[in-house]
């Protein structure tokens, strides 16, 4: 029962932090140090990635019409626009191949997480101040071209370092390149689909090759509960984040990252002492 409660907590944290630019990976790693799941290390490596599938499902449901070229009522021009959007998503996802190669070699220590949280928190604040003096050049998903999509994908590649935040890296990159906050956030949501599916598939394959398909009933229940909770929470967070950024910027998330990073440094410093 205790492990189920933990799984629910992990699902809530994943559902919230996946879409906010504050790094879901960092929060899951830190949470596991506080209330560690009673599972094997190999399963934990799989769990922290596969749990994201619930978050992906939330995007697919909320943006089903936007992402489905054959949605009811779409005319030929709208279908073409949807296919073009998918092309931009694929182009932006190409750099992730590089990230997959180096994924196992990136350290996930508290110091690394604290450093990246603080660094990108400062960058968020700076970018928002910079954007106050200019107007966005790209105000719709249809206005994203191949060059811009590829550059956003390169920014997304930075998220292989724990604490960076995949959504944070793509939103920062998109904002610098002139996308509006809403378009930056929505495109970041869509990029999560191939990113998370690819990462989950790769982790599952590595797990099977390393251990065989050796899930026990307890692990299956933990993974299912966390994924379902992540899905439900993601539905709420995505909708409300879009409402929030229509009236506010991302500065508050920059300050949150800095504060969290400092707290981690202090706690980790005391442990070292």
Protein backbone atom coordinates (compact mmCIF):
# COMPACT_ATOMS: atom_id res chain seq x y z
CA UNK A 1 0.00 0.00 0.00
CA UNK A 2 2.86 2.37 0.83
CA UNK A 3 4.39 1.84 -2.62
CA UNK A 4 1.04 2.64 -4.27
CA UNK A 5 0.87 5.93 -2.36
CA UNK A 6 4.42 6.69 -3.47
CA UNK A 7 3.44 5.89 -7.07
CA UNK A 8 0.55 8.35 -6.83
CA UNK A 9 2.91 11.05 -5.54
CA UNK A 10 5.36 10.34 -8.35
CA UNK A 11 2.52 10.54 -10.89
CA UNK A 12 1.39 13.91 -9.51
CA UNK A 13 4.92 15.33 -9.62
CA UNK A 14 5.47 14.01 -13.16
CA UNK A 15 2.15 15.43 -14.39
CA UNK A 16 2.96 18.87 -13.01
CA UNK A 17 6.64 19.20 -13.77
CA UNK A 18 6.66 17.68 -17.28
CA UNK A 19 4.90 20.70 -18.75
CA UNK A 20 6.23 23.46 -16.56
CA UNK A 21 9.78 24.49 -17.52
CA UNK A 22 11.25 23.27 -14.23
CA UNK A 23 12.54 19.78 -15.17
CA UNK A 24 10.45 16.71 -14.44
CA UNK A 25 13.55 14.49 -14.44
CA UNK A 26 15.19 16.58 -11.73
CA UNK A 27 12.08 16.47 -9.56
CA UNK A 28 11.64 12.70 -9.98
CA UNK A 29 15.29 12.02 -9.17
CA UNK A 30 15.14 14.25 -6.09
CA UNK A 31 11.79 12.82 -5.00
CA UNK A 32 13.23 9.32 -5.24
CA UNK A 33 15.99 10.36 -2.85
CA UNK A 34 13.32 11.48 -0.35
CA UNK A 35 10.72 8.71 -0.70
CA UNK A 36 12.53 6.06 -2.72
CA UNK A 37 10.41 3.44 -4.43
CA UNK A 38 11.19 -0.07 -3.23
CA UNK A 39 12.26 -1.33 -6.66
CA UNK A 40 15.43 -2.50 -8.35
CA UNK A 41 17.73 0.21 -9.82
CA UNK A 42 17.15 -1.16 -13.34
CA UNK A 43 13.39 -0.81 -12.93
CA UNK A 44 13.76 2.74 -11.57
CA UNK A 45 15.70 3.74 -14.70
CA UNK A 46 12.76 2.46 -16.73
CA UNK A 47 10.09 3.90 -14.43
CA UNK A 48 11.28 7.53 -14.53
CA UNK A 49 10.96 7.54 -18.33
CA UNK A 50 7.95 5.30 -19.03
CA UNK A 51 5.83 7.22 -16.52
CA UNK A 52 5.93 10.03 -19.09
CA UNK A 53 3.62 8.06 -21.38
CA UNK A 54 0.68 9.26 -19.30
CA UNK A 55 1.71 12.84 -20.01
CA UNK A 56 1.96 12.11 -23.75
CA UNK A 57 -1.56 10.69 -23.80
CA UNK A 58 -2.84 13.93 -22.26
CA UNK A 59 -1.31 15.93 -25.14
CA UNK A 60 -2.76 13.58 -27.75
CA UNK A 61 -6.24 13.93 -26.27
CA UNK A 62 -6.19 17.69 -25.68
CA UNK A 63 -4.76 18.46 -29.12
CA UNK A 64 -6.36 15.59 -31.03
CA UNK A 65 -7.97 17.82 -33.67
CA UNK A 66 -4.85 19.95 -34.07
CA UNK A 67 -2.61 16.92 -34.58
CA UNK A 68 -5.02 14.75 -36.61
CA UNK A 69 -4.98 15.69 -40.31
CA UNK A 70 -8.15 13.66 -40.83
CA UNK A 71 -10.13 15.25 -38.02
CA UNK A 72 -13.76 15.75 -38.88
CA UNK A 73 -14.46 19.04 -40.62
CA UNK A 74 -10.93 19.76 -41.83
CA UNK A 75 -10.71 20.95 -45.43
CA UNK A 76 -7.83 20.20 -47.81
CA UNK A 77 -5.86 23.29 -46.76
CA UNK A 78 -6.21 22.46 -43.06
CA UNK A 79 -5.11 18.86 -43.69
CA UNK A 80 -2.05 20.11 -45.54
CA UNK A 81 -1.30 22.47 -42.65
CA UNK A 82 -1.51 19.58 -40.18
CA UNK A 83 0.85 17.43 -42.22
CA UNK A 84 3.23 20.39 -42.38
CA UNK A 85 3.07 20.71 -38.58
CA UNK A 86 4.06 17.05 -38.24
CA UNK A 87 6.97 17.67 -40.61
CA UNK A 88 8.17 20.47 -38.33
CA UNK A 89 7.82 18.18 -35.30
CA UNK A 90 9.89 15.48 -37.03
CA UNK A 91 12.57 17.96 -38.12
CA UNK A 92 12.84 19.37 -34.59
CA UNK A 93 13.16 15.84 -33.22
CA UNK A 94 16.14 14.85 -35.38
CA UNK A 95 18.76 16.15 -32.88
CA UNK A 96 17.34 13.79 -30.25
CA UNK A 97 19.21 10.95 -31.99
CA UNK A 98 22.42 12.53 -30.71
CA UNK A 99 20.94 12.79 -27.23
CA UNK A 100 20.03 9.10 -27.22
CA UNK A 101 23.67 8.18 -27.91
CA UNK A 102 25.00 10.11 -24.91
CA UNK A 103 22.07 9.55 -22.54
CA UNK A 104 23.79 6.85 -20.46
CA UNK A 105 26.92 8.98 -20.01
CA UNK A 106 25.28 12.08 -18.53
CA UNK A 107 25.66 12.31 -14.71
CA UNK A 108 22.51 12.92 -12.65
CA UNK A 109 24.14 14.00 -9.39
CA UNK A 110 22.46 16.63 -7.16
CA UNK A 111 25.26 19.09 -8.02
CA UNK A 112 24.61 18.76 -11.76
CA UNK A 113 20.87 19.16 -11.23
CA UNK A 114 21.34 22.20 -8.97
CA UNK A 115 23.71 23.84 -11.45
CA UNK A 116 21.41 23.39 -14.45
CA UNK A 117 18.34 24.49 -12.48
CA UNK A 118 20.05 27.74 -11.50
CA UNK A 119 21.70 28.35 -14.88
CA UNK A 120 18.52 27.97 -16.90
CA UNK A 121 16.54 29.87 -14.27
CA UNK A 122 18.81 32.85 -14.88
CA UNK A 123 18.49 32.38 -18.65
CA UNK A 124 14.68 32.32 -18.38
CA UNK A 125 14.65 35.61 -16.51
CA UNK A 126 17.08 37.20 -18.98
CA UNK A 127 15.15 35.97 -22.05
CA UNK A 128 11.85 37.30 -20.69
CA UNK A 129 13.41 40.71 -20.03
CA UNK A 130 14.89 40.66 -23.53
CA UNK A 131 11.53 39.78 -25.07
CA UNK A 132 9.83 42.74 -23.42
CA UNK A 133 11.57 45.02 -25.90
CA UNK A 134 10.47 43.17 -29.03
CA UNK A 135 7.40 41.59 -30.60
CA UNK A 136 7.24 37.90 -31.57
CA UNK A 137 7.82 37.18 -35.26
CA UNK A 138 6.01 33.83 -35.25
CA UNK A 139 2.49 33.92 -33.85
CA UNK A 140 1.09 30.65 -35.19
CA UNK A 141 2.24 27.05 -35.51
CA UNK A 142 1.84 27.29 -39.28
CA UNK A 143 4.48 30.02 -39.46
CA UNK A 144 7.27 27.76 -38.15
CA UNK A 145 9.69 26.90 -40.96
CA UNK A 146 12.20 24.04 -41.24
CA UNK A 147 15.21 26.11 -40.15
CA UNK A 148 13.41 27.36 -37.04
CA UNK A 149 12.16 23.86 -36.20
CA UNK A 150 15.67 22.42 -36.47
CA UNK A 151 17.12 25.16 -34.27
CA UNK A 152 14.43 24.53 -31.64
CA UNK A 153 15.35 20.85 -31.82
CA UNK A 154 18.98 21.71 -31.08
CA UNK A 155 17.85 23.63 -28.01
CA UNK A 156 15.79 20.59 -26.96
CA UNK A 157 18.98 18.53 -27.13
CA UNK A 158 20.26 20.45 -24.09
CA UNK A 159 17.68 18.60 -22.00
CA UNK A 160 19.82 15.45 -21.93
CA UNK A 161 21.48 17.09 -18.91
CA UNK A 162 19.30 16.46 -15.81
CA UNK A 163 17.80 19.62 -14.39
CA UNK A 164 17.61 21.41 -17.73
CA UNK A 165 13.96 20.58 -18.57
CA UNK A 166 12.94 19.49 -22.05
CA UNK A 167 10.04 21.93 -22.15
CA UNK A 168 12.24 24.64 -20.64
CA UNK A 169 14.97 24.20 -23.25
CA UNK A 170 12.51 24.23 -26.17
CA UNK A 171 10.56 27.21 -24.81
CA UNK A 172 13.75 29.22 -24.26
CA UNK A 173 14.98 28.35 -27.74
CA UNK A 174 11.64 29.12 -29.35
CA UNK A 175 11.36 32.44 -27.50
CA UNK A 176 14.86 33.50 -28.58
CA UNK A 177 13.97 32.59 -32.18
CA UNK A 178 10.91 34.84 -32.08
CA UNK A 179 7.97 32.53 -31.33
CA UNK A 180 5.19 33.86 -29.12
CA UNK A 181 4.83 32.32 -25.67
CA UNK A 182 1.70 30.40 -26.61
CA UNK A 183 3.18 29.00 -29.81
CA UNK A 184 6.43 28.17 -27.97
CA UNK A 185 4.52 26.23 -25.32
CA UNK A 186 2.26 24.38 -27.77
CA UNK A 187 5.16 23.39 -30.03
CA UNK A 188 7.02 22.19 -26.93
CA UNK A 189 4.01 20.03 -26.02
CA UNK A 190 4.02 18.46 -29.49
CA UNK A 191 7.76 17.81 -29.45
CA UNK A 192 7.20 15.79 -26.28
CA UNK A 193 5.41 13.10 -28.31
CA UNK A 194 8.37 11.75 -30.32
CA UNK A 195 10.81 12.64 -27.52
CA UNK A 196 8.98 10.65 -24.84
CA UNK A 197 7.94 7.79 -27.11
CA UNK A 198 11.53 7.43 -28.29
CA UNK A 199 12.99 7.66 -24.79
CA UNK A 200 10.43 5.22 -23.36
CA UNK A 201 10.96 2.73 -26.17
CA UNK A 202 14.74 2.92 -25.80
CA UNK A 203 14.62 2.48 -22.02
CA UNK A 204 12.21 -0.46 -22.34
CA UNK A 205 14.47 -2.13 -24.90
CA UNK A 206 17.54 -1.66 -22.68
CA UNK A 207 15.63 -3.01 -19.69
CA UNK A 208 14.52 -6.11 -21.57
CA UNK A 209 18.03 -6.75 -22.92
CA UNK A 210 19.52 -6.29 -19.47
CA UNK A 211 17.03 -8.22 -17.34
CA UNK A 212 14.63 -9.96 -19.70
CA UNK A 213 10.93 -9.12 -19.47
CA UNK A 214 11.05 -9.66 -15.72
CA UNK A 215 8.39 -7.35 -14.30
CA UNK A 216 6.75 -8.57 -11.12
CA UNK A 217 3.14 -7.76 -10.23
CA UNK A 218 4.14 -5.03 -7.78
CA UNK A 219 6.26 -3.21 -10.37
CA UNK A 220 3.50 -3.40 -12.98
CA UNK A 221 0.97 -1.91 -10.55
CA UNK A 222 3.36 0.87 -9.50
CA UNK A 223 4.07 1.79 -13.13
CA UNK A 224 0.39 1.72 -14.14
CA UNK A 225 -0.78 3.79 -11.15
CA UNK A 226 1.92 6.44 -11.64
CA UNK A 227 1.24 6.64 -15.38
CA UNK A 228 -2.53 7.03 -14.96
CA UNK A 229 -2.10 9.72 -12.29
CA UNK A 230 0.43 11.49 -14.53
CA UNK A 231 -2.15 11.48 -17.34
CA UNK A 232 -4.94 12.98 -15.21
CA UNK A 233 -2.72 15.66 -13.68
CA UNK A 234 -1.23 16.54 -17.10
CA UNK A 235 -4.70 17.24 -18.50
CA UNK A 236 -5.23 19.87 -15.83
CA UNK A 237 -1.74 21.39 -15.95
CA UNK A 238 -1.53 21.78 -19.74
CA UNK A 239 -4.86 23.59 -19.99
CA UNK A 240 -4.09 25.92 -17.12
CA UNK A 241 -0.52 26.63 -18.25
CA UNK A 242 -1.85 27.85 -21.59
CA UNK A 243 -4.33 30.11 -19.77
CA UNK A 244 -1.54 31.41 -17.53
CA UNK A 245 0.92 32.35 -20.27
CA UNK A 246 -1.70 34.30 -22.21
CA UNK A 247 -1.47 36.91 -19.44
CA UNK A 248 1.90 36.22 -17.81
CA UNK A 249 5.46 35.38 -18.81
CA UNK A 250 7.79 32.57 -17.64
CA UNK A 251 9.79 34.68 -15.18
CA UNK A 252 8.26 33.04 -12.10
CA UNK A 253 9.56 29.67 -13.26
CA UNK A 254 13.04 31.14 -13.57
CA UNK A 255 12.96 32.26 -9.94
CA UNK A 256 11.55 28.90 -8.85
CA UNK A 257 14.42 27.09 -10.55
CA UNK A 258 17.01 29.30 -8.87
CA UNK A 259 15.49 28.84 -5.41
CA UNK A 260 15.19 25.07 -5.84
CA UNK A 261 18.76 24.84 -7.12
CA UNK A 262 20.07 26.78 -4.10
CA UNK A 263 18.10 24.55 -1.71
CA UNK A 264 19.61 21.46 -3.32
CA UNK A 265 23.11 22.91 -3.02
CA UNK A 266 22.55 23.68 0.66
CA UNK A 267 21.08 20.25 1.49
CA UNK A 268 23.76 18.44 -0.53
CA UNK A 269 26.45 20.60 1.07
CA UNK A 270 25.31 19.65 4.58
CA UNK A 271 25.34 15.96 3.61
CA UNK A 272 28.92 16.30 2.40
CA UNK A 273 29.88 17.91 5.71
